[in-house]
Amino acid sequence: MAKKVIDLTLEIKNNMVCQKDFQSSVYVPLVTHEDTKASGTGTPDDPFTSAWNYLAIIEHIGTHVDAFYHMSPTGLTVDKMPLELFFGKAVCFDMSHVPERGKITVEDMERAQEKTGVVVDGHIVLFYYGIHDKYFPTDEVLRRNPEVSPEVVRWLKDHGSIMHGVEGPSTDVMDTKLFPSHRACRDLGLSHFEWLVNLDQLLGRGEFEFYGVPLKLKGGSGSPIRAFAVVDED
């Protein structure tokens, strides 16, 4: 069967919306093709110009993955985490019925399994909320996501799921400063992908392949990723 790729990544650009504790991203042109005309590269009959940009970004802005170290001082940094954690069989659960700033429950997980026909067994589980298109690019998007409850983190662990991913900036409602989902991941040895987009395009597809491989950042607490899914063609 033919396959297609669905991009799940938020575009990186200058001054992206982010939580107040973070410095915003810097992504600006540094040298343009016009700038390099005088460098004399290439040949007289085939001159060569080039361009490059400057990027500075905290690891947890935009579409990214958290390293175990982000949640625990004894956890693996992103460069030490096994690459196999960042791709594999996956399923997307529709959690758009969960109230904004509400909590996903174990009952929600059981119902989602029945609806998708996929029994979680080591899958990367993605959660669609429907908040990104509603609120982005305003900073209201930072305050509207539901929370992956500690009970659901335990449920994922019991079903062999080490990695999961969410639409929106966090698995927790960040402004409460409680971070129960992150604390549960820390205690149970799980981690997650955050701020995935286009998850609505995965609903009803059953099992698919997910990829969200990080940069090899030495000592990294996380990393931007280019997340995408490979699905059966419609």
C-alpha atoms as a PDB file:
ATOM      1  CA  MET A   1       0.000   0.000   0.000  1.00  0.00           C
ATOM      2  CA  ALA A   2       1.215   3.512  -0.815  1.00  0.00           C
ATOM      3  CA  LYS A   3       2.429   5.680   2.079  1.00  0.00           C
ATOM      4  CA  LYS A   4       2.402   9.375   2.785  1.00  0.00           C
ATOM      5  CA  VAL A   5       4.141  11.610   5.297  1.00  0.00           C
ATOM      6  CA  ILE A   6       2.287  13.958   7.660  1.00  0.00           C
ATOM      7  CA  ASP A   7       4.403  16.746   9.123  1.00  0.00           C
ATOM      8  CA  LEU A   8       3.745  17.191  12.856  1.00  0.00           C
ATOM      9  CA  THR A   9       6.233  19.995  13.452  1.00  0.00           C
ATOM     10  CA  LEU A  10       5.684  23.635  14.352  1.00  0.00           C
ATOM     11  CA  GLU A  11       7.688  25.967  12.113  1.00  0.00           C
ATOM     12  CA  ILE A  12      10.750  27.479  13.796  1.00  0.00           C
ATOM     13  CA  LYS A  13      10.955  31.227  13.319  1.00  0.00           C
ATOM     14  CA  ASN A  14      12.175  34.337  15.076  1.00  0.00           C
ATOM     15  CA  ASN A  15      10.559  35.299  18.393  1.00  0.00           C
ATOM     16  CA  MET A  16       8.275  32.268  18.715  1.00  0.00           C
ATOM     17  CA  VAL A  17       5.609  32.246  21.394  1.00  0.00           C
ATOM     18  CA  CYS A  18       6.931  30.580  24.551  1.00  0.00           C
ATOM     19  CA  GLN A  19       6.399  30.481  28.289  1.00  0.00           C
ATOM     20  CA  LYS A  20       7.538  33.520  30.267  1.00  0.00           C
ATOM     21  CA  ASP A  21      10.395  31.652  31.959  1.00  0.00           C
ATOM     22  CA  PHE A  22      12.072  31.139  28.566  1.00  0.00           C
ATOM     23  CA  GLN A  23      13.984  33.535  26.381  1.00  0.00           C
ATOM     24  CA  SER A  24      12.310  33.537  22.993  1.00  0.00           C
ATOM     25  CA  SER A  25      13.902  32.101  19.882  1.00  0.00           C
ATOM     26  CA  VAL A  26      16.262  34.055  17.660  1.00  0.00           C
ATOM     27  CA  TYR A  27      16.314  33.050  13.999  1.00  0.00           C
ATOM     28  CA  VAL A  28      17.513  35.782  11.676  1.00  0.00           C
ATOM     29  CA  PRO A  29      19.442  36.123   8.398  1.00  0.00           C
ATOM     30  CA  LEU A  30      23.158  36.568   9.072  1.00  0.00           C
ATOM     31  CA  VAL A  31      24.753  36.521   5.625  1.00  0.00           C
ATOM     32  CA  THR A  32      22.803  36.836   2.378  1.00  0.00           C
ATOM     33  CA  HIS A  33      23.644  35.849  -1.190  1.00  0.00           C
ATOM     34  CA  GLU A  34      24.052  39.541  -1.930  1.00  0.00           C
ATOM     35  CA  ASP A  35      26.581  39.817   0.914  1.00  0.00           C
ATOM     36  CA  THR A  36      28.788  37.075  -0.530  1.00  0.00           C
ATOM     37  CA  LYS A  37      28.944  38.361  -4.085  1.00  0.00           C
ATOM     38  CA  ALA A  38      32.235  40.113  -3.327  1.00  0.00           C
ATOM     39  CA  SER A  39      33.886  37.003  -1.868  1.00  0.00           C
ATOM     40  CA  GLY A  40      35.049  35.781  -5.264  1.00  0.00           C
ATOM     41  CA  THR A  41      33.921  32.186  -4.737  1.00  0.00           C
ATOM     42  CA  GLY A  42      33.219  29.959  -7.687  1.00  0.00           C
ATOM     43  CA  THR A  43      34.672  30.877 -11.080  1.00  0.00           C
ATOM     44  CA  PRO A  44      34.384  34.014 -13.242  1.00  0.00           C
ATOM     45  CA  ASP A  45      31.952  32.285 -15.583  1.00  0.00           C
ATOM     46  CA  ASP A  46      30.097  30.540 -12.751  1.00  0.00           C
ATOM     47  CA  PRO A  47      30.218  32.646  -9.576  1.00  0.00           C
ATOM     48  CA  PHE A  48      29.014  31.023  -6.370  1.00  0.00           C
ATOM     49  CA  THR A  49      27.164  32.841  -3.614  1.00  0.00           C
ATOM     50  CA  SER A  50      25.817  31.462  -0.360  1.00  0.00           C
ATOM     51  CA  ALA A  51      23.669  32.416   2.612  1.00  0.00           C
ATOM     52  CA  TRP A  52      23.313  31.400   6.224  1.00  0.00           C
ATOM     53  CA  ASN A  53      21.119  32.265   9.180  1.00  0.00           C
ATOM     54  CA  TYR A  54      21.665  32.528  12.933  1.00  0.00           C
ATOM     55  CA  LEU A  55      19.636  30.296  15.271  1.00  0.00           C
ATOM     56  CA  ALA A  56      19.441  30.469  19.073  1.00  0.00           C
ATOM     57  CA  ILE A  57      16.706  28.537  20.827  1.00  0.00           C
ATOM     58  CA  ILE A  58      15.988  26.944  24.189  1.00  0.00           C
ATOM     59  CA  GLU A  59      15.552  23.195  23.742  1.00  0.00           C
ATOM     60  CA  HIS A  60      11.924  23.299  24.915  1.00  0.00           C
ATOM     61  CA  ILE A  61      10.444  25.864  22.530  1.00  0.00           C
ATOM     62  CA  GLY A  62       8.251  24.678  19.677  1.00  0.00           C
ATOM     63  CA  THR A  63       8.082  20.992  18.723  1.00  0.00           C
ATOM     64  CA  HIS A  64      10.584  19.216  20.949  1.00  0.00           C
ATOM     65  CA  VAL A  65      11.349  16.196  23.085  1.00  0.00           C
ATOM     66  CA  ASP A  66      12.212  16.187  26.782  1.00  0.00           C
ATOM     67  CA  ALA A  67      15.271  14.264  27.875  1.00  0.00           C
ATOM     68  CA  PHE A  68      15.066  12.190  31.039  1.00  0.00           C
ATOM     69  CA  TYR A  69      17.580  14.687  32.468  1.00  0.00           C
ATOM     70  CA  HIS A  70      15.054  17.501  32.069  1.00  0.00           C
ATOM     71  CA  MET A  71      12.969  15.918  34.825  1.00  0.00           C
ATOM     72  CA  SER A  72      15.702  14.311  36.940  1.00  0.00           C
ATOM     73  CA  PRO A  73      19.310  15.293  37.693  1.00  0.00           C
ATOM     74  CA  THR A  74      20.247  11.613  37.399  1.00  0.00           C
ATOM     75  CA  GLY A  75      18.401  11.048  34.121  1.00  0.00           C
ATOM     76  CA  LEU A  76      20.013  10.562  30.720  1.00  0.00           C
ATOM     77  CA  THR A  77      20.713  13.675  28.692  1.00  0.00           C
ATOM     78  CA  VAL A  78      19.264  13.749  25.197  1.00  0.00           C
ATOM     79  CA  ASP A  79      22.533  12.723  23.532  1.00  0.00           C
ATOM     80  CA  LYS A  80      22.701   9.605  25.717  1.00  0.00           C
ATOM     81  CA  MET A  81      19.124   8.424  25.227  1.00  0.00           C
ATOM     82  CA  PRO A  82      18.778   5.449  22.839  1.00  0.00           C
ATOM     83  CA  LEU A  83      17.723   6.545  19.367  1.00  0.00           C
ATOM     84  CA  GLU A  84      15.107   3.773  19.301  1.00  0.00           C
ATOM     85  CA  LEU A  85      13.029   5.772  21.799  1.00  0.00           C
ATOM     86  CA  PHE A  86      12.336   8.485  19.253  1.00  0.00           C
ATOM     87  CA  PHE A  87      10.571   6.505  16.551  1.00  0.00           C
ATOM     88  CA  GLY A  88       8.333   3.494  16.192  1.00  0.00           C
ATOM     89  CA  LYS A  89       4.755   2.292  16.031  1.00  0.00           C
ATOM     90  CA  ALA A  90       2.282   4.869  17.230  1.00  0.00           C
ATOM     91  CA  VAL A  91      -1.380   5.719  17.643  1.00  0.00           C
ATOM     92  CA  CYS A  92      -3.184   9.043  18.037  1.00  0.00           C
ATOM     93  CA  PHE A  93      -5.986   9.302  20.598  1.00  0.00           C
ATOM     94  CA  ASP A  94      -8.678  11.952  20.219  1.00  0.00           C
ATOM     95  CA  MET A  95      -8.887  13.845  23.512  1.00  0.00           C
ATOM     96  CA  SER A  96     -10.721  16.875  22.161  1.00  0.00           C
ATOM     97  CA  HIS A  97     -13.624  16.091  24.519  1.00  0.00           C
ATOM     98  CA  VAL A  98     -11.417  16.725  27.555  1.00  0.00           C
ATOM     99  CA  PRO A  99     -12.053  20.265  28.861  1.00  0.00           C
ATOM    100  CA  GLU A 100      -9.339  22.843  28.403  1.00  0.00           C
ATOM    101  CA  ARG A 101      -7.054  22.699  31.459  1.00  0.00           C
ATOM    102  CA  GLY A 102      -8.760  19.425  32.386  1.00  0.00           C
ATOM    103  CA  LYS A 103      -7.208  16.013  32.962  1.00  0.00           C
ATOM    104  CA  ILE A 104      -7.022  12.920  30.777  1.00  0.00           C
ATOM    105  CA  THR A 105      -8.159   9.885  32.741  1.00  0.00           C
ATOM    106  CA  VAL A 106      -7.601   6.167  32.496  1.00  0.00           C
ATOM    107  CA  GLU A 107     -11.216   5.864  31.388  1.00  0.00           C
ATOM    108  CA  ASP A 108     -10.417   8.195  28.500  1.00  0.00           C
ATOM    109  CA  MET A 109      -7.542   5.903  27.525  1.00  0.00           C
ATOM    110  CA  GLU A 110      -9.664   2.773  27.611  1.00  0.00           C
ATOM    111  CA  ARG A 111     -12.346   4.393  25.468  1.00  0.00           C
ATOM    112  CA  ALA A 112      -9.749   5.661  22.995  1.00  0.00           C
ATOM    113  CA  GLN A 113      -8.346   2.150  22.619  1.00  0.00           C
ATOM    114  CA  GLU A 114     -11.787   0.848  21.747  1.00  0.00           C
ATOM    115  CA  LYS A 115     -12.461   3.692  19.319  1.00  0.00           C
ATOM    116  CA  THR A 116      -9.150   3.348  17.439  1.00  0.00           C
ATOM    117  CA  GLY A 117      -9.055  -0.445  17.568  1.00  0.00           C
ATOM    118  CA  VAL A 118      -5.430  -0.240  18.696  1.00  0.00           C
ATOM    119  CA  VAL A 119      -4.427  -1.873  21.975  1.00  0.00           C
ATOM    120  CA  VAL A 120      -1.421   0.005  23.321  1.00  0.00           C
ATOM    121  CA  ASP A 121       1.535  -2.361  23.563  1.00  0.00           C
ATOM    122  CA  GLY A 122       4.761  -0.378  23.439  1.00  0.00           C
ATOM    123  CA  HIS A 123       3.239   2.263  21.152  1.00  0.00           C
ATOM    124  CA  ILE A 124       4.140   5.929  21.142  1.00  0.00           C
ATOM    125  CA  VAL A 125       0.789   7.446  22.117  1.00  0.00           C
ATOM    126  CA  LEU A 126      -0.083  10.904  20.764  1.00  0.00           C
ATOM    127  CA  PHE A 127      -2.872  13.087  22.180  1.00  0.00           C
ATOM    128  CA  TYR A 128      -4.979  15.405  20.022  1.00  0.00           C
ATOM    129  CA  TYR A 129      -6.710  18.271  21.873  1.00  0.00           C
ATOM    130  CA  GLY A 130      -7.835  20.755  19.226  1.00  0.00           C
ATOM    131  CA  ILE A 131      -6.281  23.761  20.974  1.00  0.00           C
ATOM    132  CA  HIS A 132      -3.450  24.669  18.596  1.00  0.00           C
ATOM    133  CA  ASP A 133      -5.542  25.889  15.680  1.00  0.00           C
ATOM    134  CA  LYS A 134      -7.914  27.580  18.122  1.00  0.00           C
ATOM    135  CA  TYR A 135      -5.344  29.688  19.988  1.00  0.00           C
ATOM    136  CA  PHE A 136      -2.018  29.754  18.143  1.00  0.00           C
ATOM    137  CA  PRO A 137      -0.126  32.070  17.598  1.00  0.00           C
ATOM    138  CA  THR A 138      -1.403  33.977  20.667  1.00  0.00           C
ATOM    139  CA  ASP A 139       0.158  33.166  24.007  1.00  0.00           C
ATOM    140  CA  GLU A 140      -3.239  31.900  25.177  1.00  0.00           C
ATOM    141  CA  VAL A 141      -2.166  28.569  23.691  1.00  0.00           C
ATOM    142  CA  LEU A 142       0.274  28.270  26.602  1.00  0.00           C
ATOM    143  CA  ARG A 143      -2.594  28.050  29.117  1.00  0.00           C
ATOM    144  CA  ARG A 144      -5.271  25.954  27.446  1.00  0.00           C
ATOM    145  CA  ASN A 145      -3.929  22.411  27.088  1.00  0.00           C
ATOM    146  CA  PRO A 146      -5.325  19.538  29.157  1.00  0.00           C
ATOM    147  CA  GLU A 147      -3.052  17.578  31.454  1.00  0.00           C
ATOM    148  CA  VAL A 148      -1.840  13.989  31.148  1.00  0.00           C
ATOM    149  CA  SER A 149      -2.705  12.776  34.637  1.00  0.00           C
ATOM    150  CA  PRO A 150      -0.234  10.723  36.710  1.00  0.00           C
ATOM    151  CA  GLU A 151      -2.692   7.814  36.518  1.00  0.00           C
ATOM    152  CA  VAL A 152      -2.470   7.918  32.723  1.00  0.00           C
ATOM    153  CA  VAL A 153       1.333   8.048  32.888  1.00  0.00           C
ATOM    154  CA  ARG A 154       1.178   4.862  34.994  1.00  0.00           C
ATOM    155  CA  TRP A 155      -1.274   3.337  32.486  1.00  0.00           C
ATOM    156  CA  LEU A 156       1.161   4.090  29.660  1.00  0.00           C
ATOM    157  CA  LYS A 157       4.011   2.513  31.621  1.00  0.00           C
ATOM    158  CA  ASP A 158       1.929  -0.589  32.289  1.00  0.00           C
ATOM    159  CA  HIS A 159       1.237  -0.840  28.539  1.00  0.00           C
ATOM    160  CA  GLY A 160       4.914  -0.659  27.604  1.00  0.00           C
ATOM    161  CA  SER A 161       4.726   2.910  26.284  1.00  0.00           C
ATOM    162  CA  ILE A 162       7.895   4.804  27.222  1.00  0.00           C
ATOM    163  CA  MET A 163       7.268   7.854  25.021  1.00  0.00           C
ATOM    164  CA  HIS A 164       4.090   9.830  24.364  1.00  0.00           C
ATOM    165  CA  GLY A 165       3.370  13.135  22.689  1.00  0.00           C
ATOM    166  CA  VAL A 166       0.924  16.005  23.017  1.00  0.00           C
ATOM    167  CA  GLU A 167      -0.541  18.867  21.052  1.00  0.00           C
ATOM    168  CA  GLY A 168       0.304  22.059  22.870  1.00  0.00           C
ATOM    169  CA  PRO A 169       3.360  23.235  24.778  1.00  0.00           C
ATOM    170  CA  SER A 170       3.323  20.801  27.695  1.00  0.00           C
ATOM    171  CA  THR A 171       1.910  17.601  29.139  1.00  0.00           C
ATOM    172  CA  ASP A 172       1.013  19.713  32.188  1.00  0.00           C
ATOM    173  CA  VAL A 173      -0.993  22.879  32.753  1.00  0.00           C
ATOM    174  CA  MET A 174       2.102  24.964  33.245  1.00  0.00           C
ATOM    175  CA  ASP A 175       0.824  28.001  35.122  1.00  0.00           C
ATOM    176  CA  THR A 176      -0.225  25.880  38.112  1.00  0.00           C
ATOM    177  CA  LYS A 177       3.503  25.140  38.619  1.00  0.00           C
ATOM    178  CA  LEU A 178       2.654  21.662  39.919  1.00  0.00           C
ATOM    179  CA  PHE A 179       3.825  19.537  36.952  1.00  0.00           C
ATOM    180  CA  PRO A 180       2.216  16.248  38.072  1.00  0.00           C
ATOM    181  CA  SER A 181       2.677  14.642  34.650  1.00  0.00           C
ATOM    182  CA  HIS A 182       6.367  15.524  34.491  1.00  0.00           C
ATOM    183  CA  ARG A 183       6.866  14.274  38.052  1.00  0.00           C
ATOM    184  CA  ALA A 184       5.145  10.984  37.207  1.00  0.00           C
ATOM    185  CA  CYS A 185       7.343  10.604  34.111  1.00  0.00           C
ATOM    186  CA  ARG A 186      10.391  11.262  36.273  1.00  0.00           C
ATOM    187  CA  ASP A 187       9.386   8.611  38.790  1.00  0.00           C
ATOM    188  CA  LEU A 188       8.392   5.975  36.206  1.00  0.00           C
ATOM    189  CA  GLY A 189      11.152   6.508  33.628  1.00  0.00           C
ATOM    190  CA  LEU A 190       8.997   7.898  30.803  1.00  0.00           C
ATOM    191  CA  SER A 191       9.334  10.964  28.634  1.00  0.00           C
ATOM    192  CA  HIS A 192       7.378  12.807  25.965  1.00  0.00           C
ATOM    193  CA  PHE A 193       7.226  14.916  22.846  1.00  0.00           C
ATOM    194  CA  GLU A 194       5.575  18.327  23.225  1.00  0.00           C
ATOM    195  CA  TRP A 195       3.928  20.850  20.914  1.00  0.00           C
ATOM    196  CA  LEU A 196       3.097  18.507  18.058  1.00  0.00           C
ATOM    197  CA  VAL A 197       0.784  19.932  15.389  1.00  0.00           C
ATOM    198  CA  ASN A 198      -1.521  18.514  12.678  1.00  0.00           C
ATOM    199  CA  LEU A 199      -2.551  15.629  14.920  1.00  0.00           C
ATOM    200  CA  ASP A 200      -6.097  15.895  13.591  1.00  0.00           C
ATOM    201  CA  GLN A 201      -4.750  14.352  10.365  1.00  0.00           C
ATOM    202  CA  LEU A 202      -3.912  11.173  12.297  1.00  0.00           C
ATOM    203  CA  LEU A 203      -7.343  10.581  13.803  1.00  0.00           C
ATOM    204  CA  GLY A 204      -9.030   7.414  12.606  1.00  0.00           C
ATOM    205  CA  ARG A 205      -5.862   6.013  11.029  1.00  0.00           C
ATOM    206  CA  GLY A 206      -5.171   3.319  13.603  1.00  0.00           C
ATOM    207  CA  GLU A 207      -1.518   2.368  13.905  1.00  0.00           C
ATOM    208  CA  PHE A 208       1.181   4.299  12.023  1.00  0.00           C
ATOM    209  CA  GLU A 209       4.904   5.049  12.259  1.00  0.00           C
ATOM    210  CA  PHE A 210       6.079   8.111  14.191  1.00  0.00           C
ATOM    211  CA  TYR A 211       9.488   9.795  14.008  1.00  0.00           C
ATOM    212  CA  GLY A 212      10.763  12.576  16.285  1.00  0.00           C
ATOM    213  CA  VAL A 213      14.550  12.292  16.455  1.00  0.00           C
ATOM    214  CA  PRO A 214      16.453  14.975  18.421  1.00  0.00           C
ATOM    215  CA  LEU A 215      19.692  16.763  17.688  1.00  0.00           C
ATOM    216  CA  LYS A 216      22.710  15.222  19.388  1.00  0.00           C
ATOM    217  CA  LEU A 217      23.136  18.022  21.908  1.00  0.00           C
ATOM    218  CA  LYS A 218      25.870  17.219  24.421  1.00  0.00           C
ATOM    219  CA  GLY A 219      24.329  17.370  27.873  1.00  0.00           C
ATOM    220  CA  GLY A 220      20.990  18.403  26.382  1.00  0.00           C
ATOM    221  CA  SER A 221      17.888  18.600  28.561  1.00  0.00           C
ATOM    222  CA  GLY A 222      15.848  18.176  25.381  1.00  0.00           C
ATOM    223  CA  SER A 223      15.938  19.089  21.728  1.00  0.00           C
ATOM    224  CA  PRO A 224      13.922  20.527  18.877  1.00  0.00           C
ATOM    225  CA  ILE A 225      12.747  17.713  16.592  1.00  0.00           C
ATOM    226  CA  ARG A 226      11.318  17.355  13.093  1.00  0.00           C
ATOM    227  CA  ALA A 227       8.336  15.188  13.952  1.00  0.00           C
ATOM    228  CA  PHE A 228       6.361  13.344  11.299  1.00  0.00           C
ATOM    229  CA  ALA A 229       4.170  10.313  10.798  1.00  0.00           C
ATOM    230  CA  VAL A 230       4.201   7.793   7.974  1.00  0.00           C
ATOM    231  CA  VAL A 231       0.673   6.603   7.264  1.00  0.00           C
ATOM    232  CA  ASP A 232      -1.175   4.565   4.674  1.00  0.00           C
ATOM    233  CA  GLU A 233      -2.296   6.674   1.718  1.00  0.00           C
ATOM    234  CA  ASP A 234      -5.993   7.549   1.740  1.00  0.00           C
END
